[in-house]
Protein backbone atom coordinates (compact mmCIF):
# COMPACT_ATOMS: atom_id res chain seq x y z
CA MET A 1 21.56 1.36 -0.63
CA LEU A 2 21.92 -2.26 -0.37
CA GLY A 3 22.01 -1.88 3.88
CA ARG A 4 18.26 -0.26 3.65
CA HIS A 5 16.90 -3.63 2.46
CA TRP A 6 18.19 -5.44 5.78
CA PHE A 7 14.63 -6.40 6.36
CA TRP A 8 14.53 -9.71 4.07
CA LEU A 9 16.51 -11.21 6.58
CA LEU A 10 13.62 -11.40 8.18
CA LEU A 11 12.10 -13.93 6.00
CA PRO A 12 13.69 -17.10 7.08
CA VAL A 13 13.66 -15.91 10.67
CA ALA A 14 10.06 -15.01 10.50
CA VAL A 15 9.17 -18.77 8.45
CA SER A 16 10.86 -19.88 11.17
CA ILE A 17 9.40 -18.62 13.96
CA LEU A 18 6.20 -18.96 13.04
CA GLY A 19 6.06 -22.46 12.07
CA GLU A 20 3.52 -23.22 14.94
CA THR A 21 -0.05 -22.30 14.80
CA LYS A 22 0.05 -20.67 18.40
CA ALA A 23 2.98 -18.46 17.42
CA ARG A 24 1.27 -17.60 14.19
CA ARG A 25 -1.62 -16.68 16.32
CA LEU A 26 -0.01 -14.26 18.64
CA PHE A 27 2.03 -12.89 15.74
CA LEU A 28 -1.36 -11.71 14.16
CA LEU A 29 -3.10 -10.66 17.06
CA SER A 30 -0.35 -8.58 18.38
CA LEU A 31 -0.16 -7.20 14.98
CA SER A 32 -3.89 -6.58 14.80
CA SER A 33 -3.78 -5.11 18.69
CA GLY A 34 -1.08 -2.43 17.33
CA LEU A 35 -3.17 -1.76 14.54
CA THR A 36 -6.18 -1.06 16.37
CA LEU A 37 -4.35 1.17 18.63
CA ASN A 38 -2.61 3.24 16.20
CA LEU A 39 -6.29 3.98 14.55
CA VAL A 40 -7.38 5.02 18.30
CA TYR A 41 -3.88 7.35 18.02
CA CYS A 42 -5.03 8.60 14.57
CA VAL A 43 -8.23 9.96 15.92
CA MET A 44 -6.78 11.30 19.07
CA GLN A 45 -4.52 12.85 16.60
CA MET A 46 -7.29 14.56 14.65
CA TYR A 47 -9.13 16.00 17.43
CA GLY A 48 -5.51 17.45 18.80
CA TYR A 49 -5.12 14.90 22.12
CA VAL A 50 -1.76 13.96 20.38
CA GLU A 51 0.78 15.56 18.53
CA VAL A 52 3.12 13.66 16.08
CA THR A 53 6.67 15.08 15.13
CA THR A 54 7.31 12.98 12.29
CA GLY A 55 6.77 14.32 8.49
CA GLY A 56 3.43 13.39 6.68
CA SER A 57 0.97 13.11 9.45
CA ASN A 58 -0.79 16.06 11.20
CA ALA A 59 -4.14 16.84 12.36
CA GLU A 60 -5.67 17.03 8.90
CA ASP A 61 -4.14 14.17 7.68
CA ALA A 62 -3.81 11.65 10.68
CA THR A 63 -1.84 8.94 10.18
CA GLY A 64 0.20 8.81 13.21
CA HIS A 65 3.82 7.26 12.79
CA ILE A 66 3.40 5.35 9.20
CA GLY A 67 2.91 8.61 7.89
CA HIS A 68 0.36 9.11 4.59
CA ILE A 69 2.84 7.28 1.57
CA GLY A 70 2.62 4.06 3.34
CA PHE A 71 -0.67 3.66 5.62
CA GLY A 72 -3.11 2.76 3.13
CA LEU A 73 -0.63 -0.03 2.36
CA VAL A 74 -0.87 -0.92 5.79
CA TYR A 75 -4.58 -0.79 6.39
CA GLY A 76 -5.44 -1.38 2.55
CA ILE A 77 -3.87 -5.03 3.89
CA TRP A 78 -5.12 -5.39 7.18
CA ALA A 79 -8.66 -4.24 6.01
CA ALA A 80 -8.99 -6.69 3.21
CA TRP A 81 -7.78 -9.50 5.83
CA LEU A 82 -10.36 -8.46 8.05
CA LEU A 83 -13.08 -8.99 5.08
CA HIS A 84 -11.69 -12.30 4.68
CA LEU A 85 -11.83 -13.37 7.87
CA GLY A 86 -15.38 -12.40 8.46
CA LEU A 87 -16.51 -14.05 5.42
CA ILE A 88 -15.15 -17.53 7.17
CA ARG A 89 -16.53 -16.39 10.46
CA GLU A 90 -19.96 -15.73 11.82
CA GLY A 91 -21.99 -14.10 14.20
CA ARG A 92 -20.13 -11.54 17.18
CA LEU A 93 -16.42 -12.86 15.20
CA ARG A 94 -17.33 -11.50 12.36
CA LEU A 95 -19.08 -7.95 13.00
CA ILE A 96 -15.95 -7.39 14.99
CA PHE A 97 -13.80 -8.03 12.20
CA TRP A 98 -15.79 -6.15 9.59
CA GLY A 99 -16.25 -2.86 11.83
CA LEU A 100 -12.63 -2.49 12.24
CA ALA A 101 -12.32 -3.54 8.41
CA ALA A 102 -14.82 -0.38 8.07
CA TRP A 103 -13.26 1.88 10.55
CA SER A 104 -9.50 1.16 8.09
CA TYR A 105 -11.67 2.39 5.12
CA VAL A 106 -12.51 5.33 6.40
CA MET A 107 -9.46 6.38 7.87
CA VAL A 108 -7.45 5.37 4.66
CA PHE A 109 -9.71 7.77 2.37
CA SER A 110 -8.99 9.98 5.25
CA ALA A 111 -5.49 10.40 4.75
CA GLN A 112 -3.64 12.34 1.71
CA GLY A 113 -2.10 9.57 0.35
CA ARG A 114 -3.68 8.29 -2.96
CA SER A 115 -2.37 5.16 -3.94
CA GLY A 116 -3.95 4.30 -0.63
CA TYR A 117 -7.28 4.81 -2.00
CA LEU A 118 -6.95 2.23 -5.21
CA ILE A 119 -5.11 -0.50 -2.89
CA ALA A 120 -7.32 -0.65 -0.50
CA ILE A 121 -10.30 -0.97 -3.18
CA ALA A 122 -8.22 -3.19 -5.63
CA LEU A 123 -7.51 -5.63 -2.27
CA MET A 124 -10.84 -5.51 -1.12
CA LEU A 125 -11.92 -6.76 -4.72
CA CYS A 126 -9.22 -9.50 -4.68
CA VAL A 127 -10.88 -10.87 -1.79
CA LEU A 128 -14.10 -10.55 -2.83
CA TYR A 129 -12.90 -12.27 -6.31
CA LYS A 130 -11.40 -15.08 -4.70
CA TRP A 131 -14.34 -15.60 -2.85
CA VAL A 132 -16.64 -16.04 -5.65
CA PHE A 133 -13.92 -18.41 -7.41
CA ASP A 134 -14.00 -20.61 -4.48
CA LEU A 135 -17.32 -20.98 -4.30
CA LYS A 136 -18.67 -20.87 -7.70
CA SER A 137 -21.86 -18.45 -6.05
CA TRP A 138 -22.76 -15.04 -5.34
CA LYS A 139 -24.96 -15.71 -2.42
CA VAL A 140 -22.76 -14.80 0.06
CA ILE A 141 -20.79 -12.24 -1.88
CA ILE A 142 -23.49 -9.99 -3.22
CA PRO A 143 -24.64 -8.57 0.32
CA VAL A 144 -20.76 -8.17 0.97
CA SER A 145 -20.48 -5.83 -1.94
CA VAL A 146 -23.08 -3.88 -1.88
CA GLY A 147 -21.73 -3.11 1.71
CA CYS A 148 -18.39 -2.40 0.93
CA LEU A 149 -19.82 -0.23 -2.82
CA ILE A 150 -21.45 2.04 -0.04
CA VAL A 151 -18.45 2.66 2.01
CA VAL A 152 -16.53 3.54 -0.55
CA LEU A 153 -18.81 6.08 -2.30
CA ALA A 154 -20.03 8.03 0.71
CA ILE A 155 -15.93 7.98 1.45
CA GLY A 156 -14.72 9.18 -2.03
CA ILE A 157 -17.65 11.72 -1.69
CA GLY A 158 -16.43 13.15 1.78
CA PRO A 159 -12.81 13.04 2.49
CA GLY A 160 -10.97 11.95 -0.65
CA LYS A 161 -13.07 13.80 -3.16
CA GLU A 162 -10.70 17.23 -3.11
CA ARG A 163 -7.51 14.82 -3.35
CA LEU A 164 -9.11 12.99 -6.46
CA GLN A 165 -10.07 16.13 -8.43
CA GLY A 166 -6.56 17.21 -7.84
CA THR A 167 -5.33 14.21 -9.46
CA TRP A 168 -7.97 13.75 -12.45
CA GLN A 169 -7.20 17.68 -13.47
CA ALA A 170 -3.66 17.16 -13.37
CA LEU A 171 -3.84 14.01 -15.59
CA THR A 172 -6.03 16.25 -17.94
CA GLN A 173 -4.14 19.53 -17.23
CA LYS A 174 -7.33 21.42 -16.70
CA HIS A 175 -6.54 23.38 -13.24
CA GLU A 176 -6.22 26.67 -12.43
CA LEU A 177 -3.87 27.37 -9.51
CA LYS A 178 -5.84 29.82 -6.76
CA SER A 179 -2.87 32.41 -4.82
CA ALA A 180 -0.44 30.42 -3.27
CA SER A 181 -2.38 31.82 0.30
CA SER A 182 -5.48 30.11 -0.49
CA LEU A 183 -4.39 26.82 -1.91
CA ASP A 184 -7.13 24.04 -0.74
CA ASN A 185 -6.85 19.95 -1.25
CA THR A 186 -7.48 20.29 -4.88
CA ASP A 187 -4.84 22.28 -5.50
CA TYR A 188 -2.04 20.52 -3.10
CA ALA A 189 -3.07 17.22 -4.92
CA PHE A 190 -2.72 19.04 -8.28
CA LEU A 191 1.06 20.31 -7.33
CA ALA A 192 1.68 16.72 -5.94
CA THR A 193 1.08 15.35 -9.45
CA LEU A 194 2.74 17.42 -11.53
CA GLU A 195 5.68 16.84 -9.13
CA ARG A 196 5.65 13.33 -9.74
CA PHE A 197 5.40 13.43 -13.46
CA TYR A 198 8.46 15.76 -13.90
CA MET A 199 10.26 13.35 -11.52
CA TRP A 200 8.71 10.12 -14.04
CA LYS A 201 9.63 12.10 -16.72
CA THR A 202 13.26 13.21 -15.81
CA SER A 203 14.04 9.54 -14.37
CA ILE A 204 13.31 8.12 -17.94
CA GLU A 205 15.35 10.80 -19.45
CA ILE A 206 18.12 9.53 -17.45
CA TRP A 207 17.54 6.01 -18.23
CA GLN A 208 17.55 6.83 -21.86
CA LYS A 209 21.60 7.67 -21.47
CA GLN A 210 22.31 4.16 -19.85
CA PRO A 211 19.53 1.91 -21.56
CA LEU A 212 21.34 -1.23 -20.99
CA LEU A 213 23.02 -1.28 -17.30
CA GLY A 214 21.18 2.01 -16.29
CA VAL A 215 23.07 4.17 -13.63
CA GLY A 216 23.54 2.02 -11.22
CA THR A 217 22.09 1.55 -7.75
CA GLY A 218 23.24 4.73 -5.88
CA GLY A 219 23.31 6.57 -8.92
CA LEU A 220 20.01 8.55 -9.72
CA PRO A 221 20.37 11.43 -7.36
CA HIS A 222 24.01 12.34 -8.72
CA ALA A 223 22.26 11.62 -12.29
CA VAL A 224 19.68 13.72 -11.35
CA SER A 225 21.87 16.46 -10.10
CA ASP A 226 23.89 16.74 -13.30
CA LEU A 227 20.95 17.01 -15.72
CA LYS A 228 19.97 20.32 -13.94
CA SER A 229 16.42 20.41 -15.16
CA GLY A 230 14.69 21.96 -12.68
CA PHE A 231 10.81 22.70 -13.05
CA ARG A 232 8.75 25.74 -11.74
CA LEU A 233 5.29 24.36 -10.54
CA THR A 234 4.04 27.78 -9.86
CA GLU A 235 5.86 31.54 -9.39
CA ASN A 236 6.84 30.61 -5.97
CA ILE A 237 6.58 26.78 -6.14
CA THR A 238 9.71 24.66 -7.36
CA VAL A 239 10.71 21.09 -7.67
CA ALA A 240 14.14 20.48 -5.99
CA GLU A 241 17.07 19.60 -8.62
CA SER A 242 17.55 16.21 -6.94
CA PHE A 243 15.58 13.51 -5.35
CA ALA A 244 16.40 10.35 -4.39
CA HIS A 245 13.89 8.40 -6.07
CA PRO A 246 10.92 9.12 -8.89
CA HIS A 247 8.47 8.01 -6.49
CA ASN A 248 7.79 4.88 -8.28
CA GLN A 249 9.50 1.46 -7.99
CA TYR A 250 9.21 0.59 -11.92
CA ILE A 251 11.00 3.74 -12.79
CA LEU A 252 13.28 3.53 -10.47
CA ASN A 253 14.56 0.01 -11.16
CA LEU A 254 14.38 0.89 -14.58
CA THR A 255 17.07 3.52 -14.26
CA ARG A 256 18.92 2.03 -11.96
CA TRP A 257 19.28 -1.42 -13.35
CA GLY A 258 17.75 -0.96 -17.03
CA PRO A 259 14.73 -3.15 -18.32
CA ALA A 260 16.61 -6.03 -16.51
CA GLY A 261 15.46 -4.35 -13.80
CA VAL A 262 12.08 -4.14 -14.19
CA ILE A 263 12.01 -7.70 -15.06
CA LEU A 264 13.06 -9.05 -11.78
CA LEU A 265 11.01 -6.65 -9.82
CA LEU A 266 7.91 -7.89 -11.97
CA ALA A 267 8.75 -11.88 -11.85
CA LEU A 268 9.59 -11.27 -7.74
CA LEU A 269 5.80 -9.87 -7.37
CA SER A 270 4.15 -12.36 -9.98
CA VAL A 271 5.48 -15.07 -7.43
CA TRP A 272 4.77 -13.35 -4.35
CA MET A 273 1.26 -13.20 -5.60
CA ARG A 274 0.52 -16.42 -7.21
CA GLU A 275 1.73 -18.57 -4.34
CA GLY A 276 -1.34 -17.18 -2.06
CA PHE A 277 -4.04 -17.32 -5.00
CA LYS A 278 -3.11 -20.85 -5.27
CA VAL A 279 -4.80 -22.00 -2.38
CA ASP A 280 -8.09 -22.32 -1.39
CA TRP A 281 -8.97 -19.36 1.37
CA GLN A 282 -12.22 -20.70 2.53
CA HIS A 283 -10.04 -23.21 4.64
CA SER A 284 -7.39 -20.90 5.30
CA VAL A 285 -6.59 -17.92 7.88
CA VAL A 286 -3.27 -16.70 6.65
CA ALA A 287 -3.31 -17.78 2.74
CA PRO A 288 -4.31 -14.90 1.42
CA LEU A 289 -1.68 -12.46 3.38
CA SER A 290 0.81 -13.54 0.35
CA THR A 291 -1.06 -12.11 -2.10
CA LEU A 292 -2.61 -8.89 -0.73
CA SER A 293 0.85 -7.84 0.48
CA GLY A 294 2.23 -8.50 -3.19
CA LEU A 295 -0.55 -6.87 -4.52
CA ALA A 296 -0.42 -4.25 -2.27
CA LEU A 297 3.38 -3.30 -2.87
CA ALA A 298 2.73 -3.69 -6.84
CA LEU A 299 0.31 -1.22 -6.38
CA HIS A 300 1.99 1.16 -4.16
CA ALA A 301 5.07 1.03 -6.54
CA LEU A 302 3.26 2.98 -9.19
CA SER A 303 3.50 6.08 -7.18
CA SER A 304 6.25 5.28 -4.65
CA SER A 305 9.62 3.61 -4.02
CA SER A 306 7.39 0.63 -2.14
CA MET A 307 10.08 -1.69 -1.87
CA GLU A 308 12.00 0.52 -0.04
CA GLU A 309 9.99 2.09 2.50
CA HIS A 310 10.42 0.72 6.31
CA PHE A 311 7.45 0.64 6.98
CA SER A 312 5.33 -0.84 3.89
CA ALA A 313 7.55 -3.54 3.20
CA ILE A 314 8.73 -4.46 6.37
CA LEU A 315 4.77 -5.21 6.65
CA ALA A 316 4.84 -7.03 3.28
CA VAL A 317 8.07 -9.32 4.43
CA LEU A 318 6.47 -10.40 7.57
CA LEU A 319 2.92 -10.87 6.11
CA LEU A 320 4.41 -13.34 3.37
CA ALA A 321 6.91 -15.26 5.83
CA THR A 322 3.63 -16.16 7.87
CA ALA A 323 1.94 -17.46 4.86
CA MET A 324 4.90 -19.15 3.89
CA SER A 325 4.79 -20.55 7.22
CA VAL A 326 1.84 -23.12 5.99
CA SER A 327 2.56 -24.99 3.32
CA SER A 328 -0.46 -25.24 0.58
CA GLU A 329 -0.33 -28.92 1.07
CA ASN A 330 -0.79 -28.97 5.01
CA SER A 331 -3.04 -25.76 4.38
CA ARG A 332 -5.59 -28.05 2.28
CA SER A 333 -5.04 -30.86 4.15
CA THR A 334 -5.50 -29.81 7.67
CA GLY A 335 -8.24 -27.04 6.65
CA GLY A 336 -8.60 -25.30 10.54
CA SER A 337 -4.40 -25.52 11.44
CA ASP A 338 -3.76 -21.79 10.67
CA GLU A 339 -7.03 -20.40 12.62
CA ILE A 340 -6.55 -17.81 15.05
């Protein structure tokens, strides 16, 4: 389990490598090019021109090799950063940045990862709030906010509507399943939410038996199997009796290491987000990457083991390193030192 966290070793290496403006420019341009090409790949997947062989991605849920779990985190961060770049730049570059951001939002809301909906909207609001906080003016933000609201409403009414309905119906316990042969996206979202509730409930029951220290780093699957509390969703659909994590990083830390695990996780994420938020974003290209990546992990942790997903966590660590490679003092004093 500890070996899964090898990517943290990338942090000091990346901070050292990205210490120069040229290196940061090359990294961010390469990353953006790759993410743009992946969006093209996802569109090709939607129309059946390519086929993905990994799980979590298909023609109806075109998220490429990233899969729907981490797709919203990856593109939610990127879209919010592009929104920030558009506020810094003018003319053609602004249109390019905001066009790519809009495309990302459309794809996020077309995917089945409902955590991505929350991340995309929250990070968008974070960028707008920070700009209002720094500018002390609504003149620039009002038209951008209206445009973002229109995009979110249009997408929410379309691709994401059924999945949001299923989640809400699971929360309110008001839903009648159709026959197994005629389940739609609302039904699948309803069942997935019920399954998450079962995992959370089971994990908390396990923690209550070891409230101080938890069951240990690798003890959860064994504890779930020993509990033998299988849960039947429908007549033909049941939840496996054993699972590696409860699709919630906070509950996972609580079950593994007790209250100390949750406190340390919250402390890490708080420092992570705070470091970027202290900088004046109007004069920094990379400063938002720290806050945006930390906030995305914190939100994604509500429905996933975000700190252990390779696509999500590796990207977040690399973006943190990019922001850390420029000191706050240098960013304020030189203004354009980290420009692309």
